[in-house]
Amino acid sequence: MRINVIKVGNSKGLRIPKSILEEYRITNSVELKLKDGYIELRPIKKPRENWTKEFKKMVNDPNEENRIPDFFEEDEL
C-alpha cells in the first residue's frame, strides 16, 4: 500500500486509513522501530490485557501447580 507524506504544521506525517487503524486496534499511539532500511510501526498492546481471563483458566485447571510457594506455615501465623 502506498500512502503520501503530508505536511502537519512544521513537521511531516502519515495518514493511515481508518480501516487499518481499526483492524490493528490503533487508537492514540504506535511503537516505531527503525530497522535496517525501513521503519516498522506496531500497535501498542496493553501488557495486562488478558490477565483476568488467564488467571481464571489457571485457577480452574486441576493440573496447574502453584507458581508462588507458600512461605508461611499456618502455625507460624
N, C-alpha and C. Protein backbone atom coordinates (compact mmCIF):
# COMPACT_ATOMS: atom_id res chain seq x y z
N MET A 1 0.85 -1.17 0.00
CA MET A 1 0.00 0.00 0.00
C MET A 1 0.90 1.24 0.00
N ARG A 2 0.53 2.19 -0.78
CA ARG A 2 1.29 3.44 -0.87
C ARG A 2 0.48 4.56 -0.22
N ILE A 3 1.11 5.29 0.71
CA ILE A 3 0.46 6.46 1.30
C ILE A 3 1.42 7.64 1.21
N ASN A 4 0.85 8.82 1.15
CA ASN A 4 1.65 10.02 0.98
C ASN A 4 2.09 10.62 2.31
N VAL A 5 3.25 11.24 2.29
CA VAL A 5 3.73 12.02 3.42
C VAL A 5 3.09 13.40 3.30
N ILE A 6 2.46 13.87 4.40
CA ILE A 6 1.74 15.14 4.36
C ILE A 6 2.37 16.14 5.33
N LYS A 7 2.12 17.40 5.09
CA LYS A 7 2.62 18.46 5.96
C LYS A 7 1.67 18.59 7.16
N VAL A 8 2.25 18.58 8.36
CA VAL A 8 1.49 18.76 9.61
C VAL A 8 2.22 19.83 10.41
N GLY A 9 1.75 21.09 10.29
CA GLY A 9 2.47 22.19 10.94
C GLY A 9 3.85 22.32 10.33
N ASN A 10 4.88 22.33 11.19
CA ASN A 10 6.26 22.40 10.70
C ASN A 10 6.86 21.01 10.47
N SER A 11 6.07 19.99 10.68
CA SER A 11 6.55 18.61 10.56
C SER A 11 5.91 17.92 9.37
N LYS A 12 6.16 16.65 9.26
CA LYS A 12 5.56 15.79 8.24
C LYS A 12 4.86 14.64 8.94
N GLY A 13 3.87 14.05 8.30
CA GLY A 13 3.14 12.96 8.91
C GLY A 13 2.64 11.98 7.88
N LEU A 14 2.08 10.89 8.38
CA LEU A 14 1.50 9.86 7.54
C LEU A 14 0.02 9.75 7.90
N ARG A 15 -0.82 9.68 6.92
CA ARG A 15 -2.25 9.49 7.14
C ARG A 15 -2.54 8.02 6.93
N ILE A 16 -2.94 7.36 8.03
CA ILE A 16 -3.22 5.92 7.97
C ILE A 16 -4.73 5.73 7.83
N PRO A 17 -5.16 4.94 6.86
CA PRO A 17 -6.59 4.74 6.66
C PRO A 17 -7.29 4.19 7.91
N LYS A 18 -8.53 4.61 8.12
CA LYS A 18 -9.32 4.21 9.27
C LYS A 18 -9.46 2.70 9.36
N SER A 19 -9.62 2.03 8.24
CA SER A 19 -9.79 0.58 8.25
C SER A 19 -8.56 -0.12 8.84
N ILE A 20 -7.38 0.39 8.57
CA ILE A 20 -6.15 -0.20 9.11
C ILE A 20 -6.06 0.08 10.61
N LEU A 21 -6.40 1.30 11.02
CA LEU A 21 -6.38 1.64 12.44
C LEU A 21 -7.33 0.73 13.22
N GLU A 22 -8.51 0.48 12.68
CA GLU A 22 -9.48 -0.38 13.35
C GLU A 22 -9.02 -1.84 13.38
N GLU A 23 -8.49 -2.31 12.25
CA GLU A 23 -8.06 -3.71 12.17
C GLU A 23 -6.96 -4.02 13.18
N TYR A 24 -6.03 -3.09 13.37
CA TYR A 24 -4.90 -3.31 14.27
C TYR A 24 -5.11 -2.69 15.63
N ARG A 25 -6.32 -2.19 15.89
CA ARG A 25 -6.71 -1.60 17.16
C ARG A 25 -5.74 -0.50 17.61
N ILE A 26 -5.41 0.37 16.68
CA ILE A 26 -4.54 1.52 16.98
C ILE A 26 -5.43 2.68 17.36
N THR A 27 -5.19 3.24 18.53
CA THR A 27 -6.01 4.36 18.98
C THR A 27 -5.19 5.64 19.07
N ASN A 28 -4.29 5.74 20.02
CA ASN A 28 -3.59 7.00 20.25
C ASN A 28 -2.12 7.00 19.83
N SER A 29 -1.45 5.88 19.98
CA SER A 29 -0.03 5.87 19.68
C SER A 29 0.40 4.50 19.16
N VAL A 30 1.56 4.48 18.53
CA VAL A 30 2.15 3.25 18.00
C VAL A 30 3.60 3.16 18.44
N GLU A 31 4.15 1.98 18.36
CA GLU A 31 5.57 1.78 18.61
C GLU A 31 6.29 1.91 17.27
N LEU A 32 7.29 2.75 17.20
CA LEU A 32 8.04 2.97 15.97
C LEU A 32 9.45 2.43 16.17
N LYS A 33 9.87 1.55 15.27
CA LYS A 33 11.23 1.00 15.32
C LYS A 33 11.92 1.29 14.01
N LEU A 34 13.14 1.75 14.09
CA LEU A 34 13.95 2.00 12.90
C LEU A 34 14.75 0.74 12.62
N LYS A 35 14.50 0.15 11.48
CA LYS A 35 15.18 -1.08 11.08
C LYS A 35 16.20 -0.75 10.00
N ASP A 36 16.89 -1.75 9.53
CA ASP A 36 17.89 -1.55 8.50
C ASP A 36 17.21 -1.26 7.16
N GLY A 37 17.02 0.01 6.85
CA GLY A 37 16.45 0.40 5.57
C GLY A 37 14.94 0.60 5.57
N TYR A 38 14.28 0.42 6.71
CA TYR A 38 12.82 0.65 6.74
C TYR A 38 12.37 1.02 8.14
N ILE A 39 11.14 1.48 8.25
CA ILE A 39 10.52 1.85 9.51
C ILE A 39 9.41 0.85 9.80
N GLU A 40 9.33 0.39 11.03
CA GLU A 40 8.30 -0.56 11.43
C GLU A 40 7.38 0.10 12.45
N LEU A 41 6.08 0.06 12.18
CA LEU A 41 5.08 0.58 13.11
C LEU A 41 4.31 -0.60 13.68
N ARG A 42 4.13 -0.60 15.01
CA ARG A 42 3.37 -1.66 15.66
C ARG A 42 2.38 -1.05 16.63
N PRO A 43 1.19 -1.64 16.74
CA PRO A 43 0.26 -1.15 17.75
C PRO A 43 0.82 -1.42 19.14
N ILE A 44 0.53 -0.55 20.08
CA ILE A 44 0.96 -0.75 21.45
C ILE A 44 -0.11 -1.57 22.14
N LYS A 45 0.28 -2.72 22.64
CA LYS A 45 -0.66 -3.61 23.31
C LYS A 45 -0.60 -3.36 24.81
N LYS A 46 -1.73 -3.52 25.44
CA LYS A 46 -1.79 -3.40 26.89
C LYS A 46 -1.19 -4.67 27.48
N PRO A 47 -0.12 -4.56 28.26
CA PRO A 47 0.57 -5.75 28.73
C PRO A 47 -0.26 -6.67 29.61
N ARG A 48 -1.25 -6.14 30.30
CA ARG A 48 -2.06 -6.97 31.20
C ARG A 48 -3.47 -7.21 30.66
N GLU A 49 -3.63 -7.06 29.37
CA GLU A 49 -4.95 -7.10 28.74
C GLU A 49 -5.72 -8.40 29.03
N ASN A 50 -5.07 -9.54 28.98
CA ASN A 50 -5.77 -10.83 29.14
C ASN A 50 -5.50 -11.50 30.48
N TRP A 51 -4.95 -10.79 31.45
CA TRP A 51 -4.58 -11.42 32.72
C TRP A 51 -5.77 -12.02 33.43
N THR A 52 -6.89 -11.33 33.50
CA THR A 52 -8.05 -11.84 34.23
C THR A 52 -8.50 -13.17 33.65
N LYS A 53 -8.60 -13.23 32.33
CA LYS A 53 -9.02 -14.46 31.66
C LYS A 53 -8.02 -15.59 31.92
N GLU A 54 -6.73 -15.29 31.84
CA GLU A 54 -5.71 -16.31 32.03
C GLU A 54 -5.66 -16.79 33.49
N PHE A 55 -5.85 -15.90 34.45
CA PHE A 55 -5.87 -16.31 35.85
C PHE A 55 -7.06 -17.23 36.13
N LYS A 56 -8.20 -16.92 35.54
CA LYS A 56 -9.38 -17.77 35.73
C LYS A 56 -9.12 -19.17 35.17
N LYS A 57 -8.47 -19.24 34.00
CA LYS A 57 -8.13 -20.54 33.42
C LYS A 57 -7.19 -21.31 34.33
N MET A 58 -6.21 -20.58 34.90
CA MET A 58 -5.20 -21.21 35.74
C MET A 58 -5.84 -21.76 37.03
N VAL A 59 -6.74 -21.00 37.64
CA VAL A 59 -7.39 -21.42 38.87
C VAL A 59 -8.26 -22.66 38.63
N ASN A 60 -8.91 -22.72 37.49
CA ASN A 60 -9.81 -23.83 37.19
C ASN A 60 -9.11 -25.07 36.66
N ASP A 61 -7.82 -24.99 36.41
CA ASP A 61 -7.08 -26.12 35.87
C ASP A 61 -6.55 -26.98 37.02
N PRO A 62 -7.05 -28.20 37.19
CA PRO A 62 -6.61 -29.04 38.31
C PRO A 62 -5.14 -29.46 38.19
N ASN A 63 -4.58 -29.40 37.02
CA ASN A 63 -3.18 -29.78 36.83
C ASN A 63 -2.21 -28.63 37.03
N GLU A 64 -2.74 -27.44 37.23
CA GLU A 64 -1.89 -26.26 37.40
C GLU A 64 -1.31 -26.26 38.81
N GLU A 65 0.00 -26.18 38.91
CA GLU A 65 0.63 -26.13 40.23
C GLU A 65 0.80 -24.67 40.66
N ASN A 66 0.94 -24.45 41.93
CA ASN A 66 1.11 -23.09 42.45
C ASN A 66 2.43 -22.52 41.96
N ARG A 67 2.37 -21.31 41.47
CA ARG A 67 3.58 -20.64 40.97
C ARG A 67 4.34 -19.94 42.10
N ILE A 68 3.62 -19.58 43.16
CA ILE A 68 4.26 -18.91 44.30
C ILE A 68 4.17 -19.86 45.48
N PRO A 69 5.31 -20.30 45.99
CA PRO A 69 5.26 -21.24 47.11
C PRO A 69 4.72 -20.56 48.36
N ASP A 70 4.13 -21.36 49.23
CA ASP A 70 3.60 -20.85 50.49
C ASP A 70 4.77 -20.78 51.48
N PHE A 71 5.23 -19.57 51.78
CA PHE A 71 6.39 -19.39 52.64
C PHE A 71 6.06 -19.56 54.12
N PHE A 72 4.84 -19.35 54.50
CA PHE A 72 4.45 -19.39 55.89
C PHE A 72 3.58 -20.62 56.16
N GLU A 73 3.97 -21.36 57.13
CA GLU A 73 3.13 -22.46 57.56
C GLU A 73 2.00 -21.87 58.40
N GLU A 74 0.89 -22.52 58.42
CA GLU A 74 -0.27 -21.98 59.14
C GLU A 74 0.00 -21.79 60.61
N ASP A 75 0.83 -22.63 61.24
CA ASP A 75 1.09 -22.50 62.68
C ASP A 75 2.00 -21.30 63.00
N GLU A 76 2.69 -20.74 61.99
CA GLU A 76 3.55 -19.57 62.20
C GLU A 76 2.74 -18.28 62.23
N LEU A 77 1.53 -18.27 61.70
CA LEU A 77 0.72 -17.08 61.66
C LEU A 77 0.13 -16.86 62.98
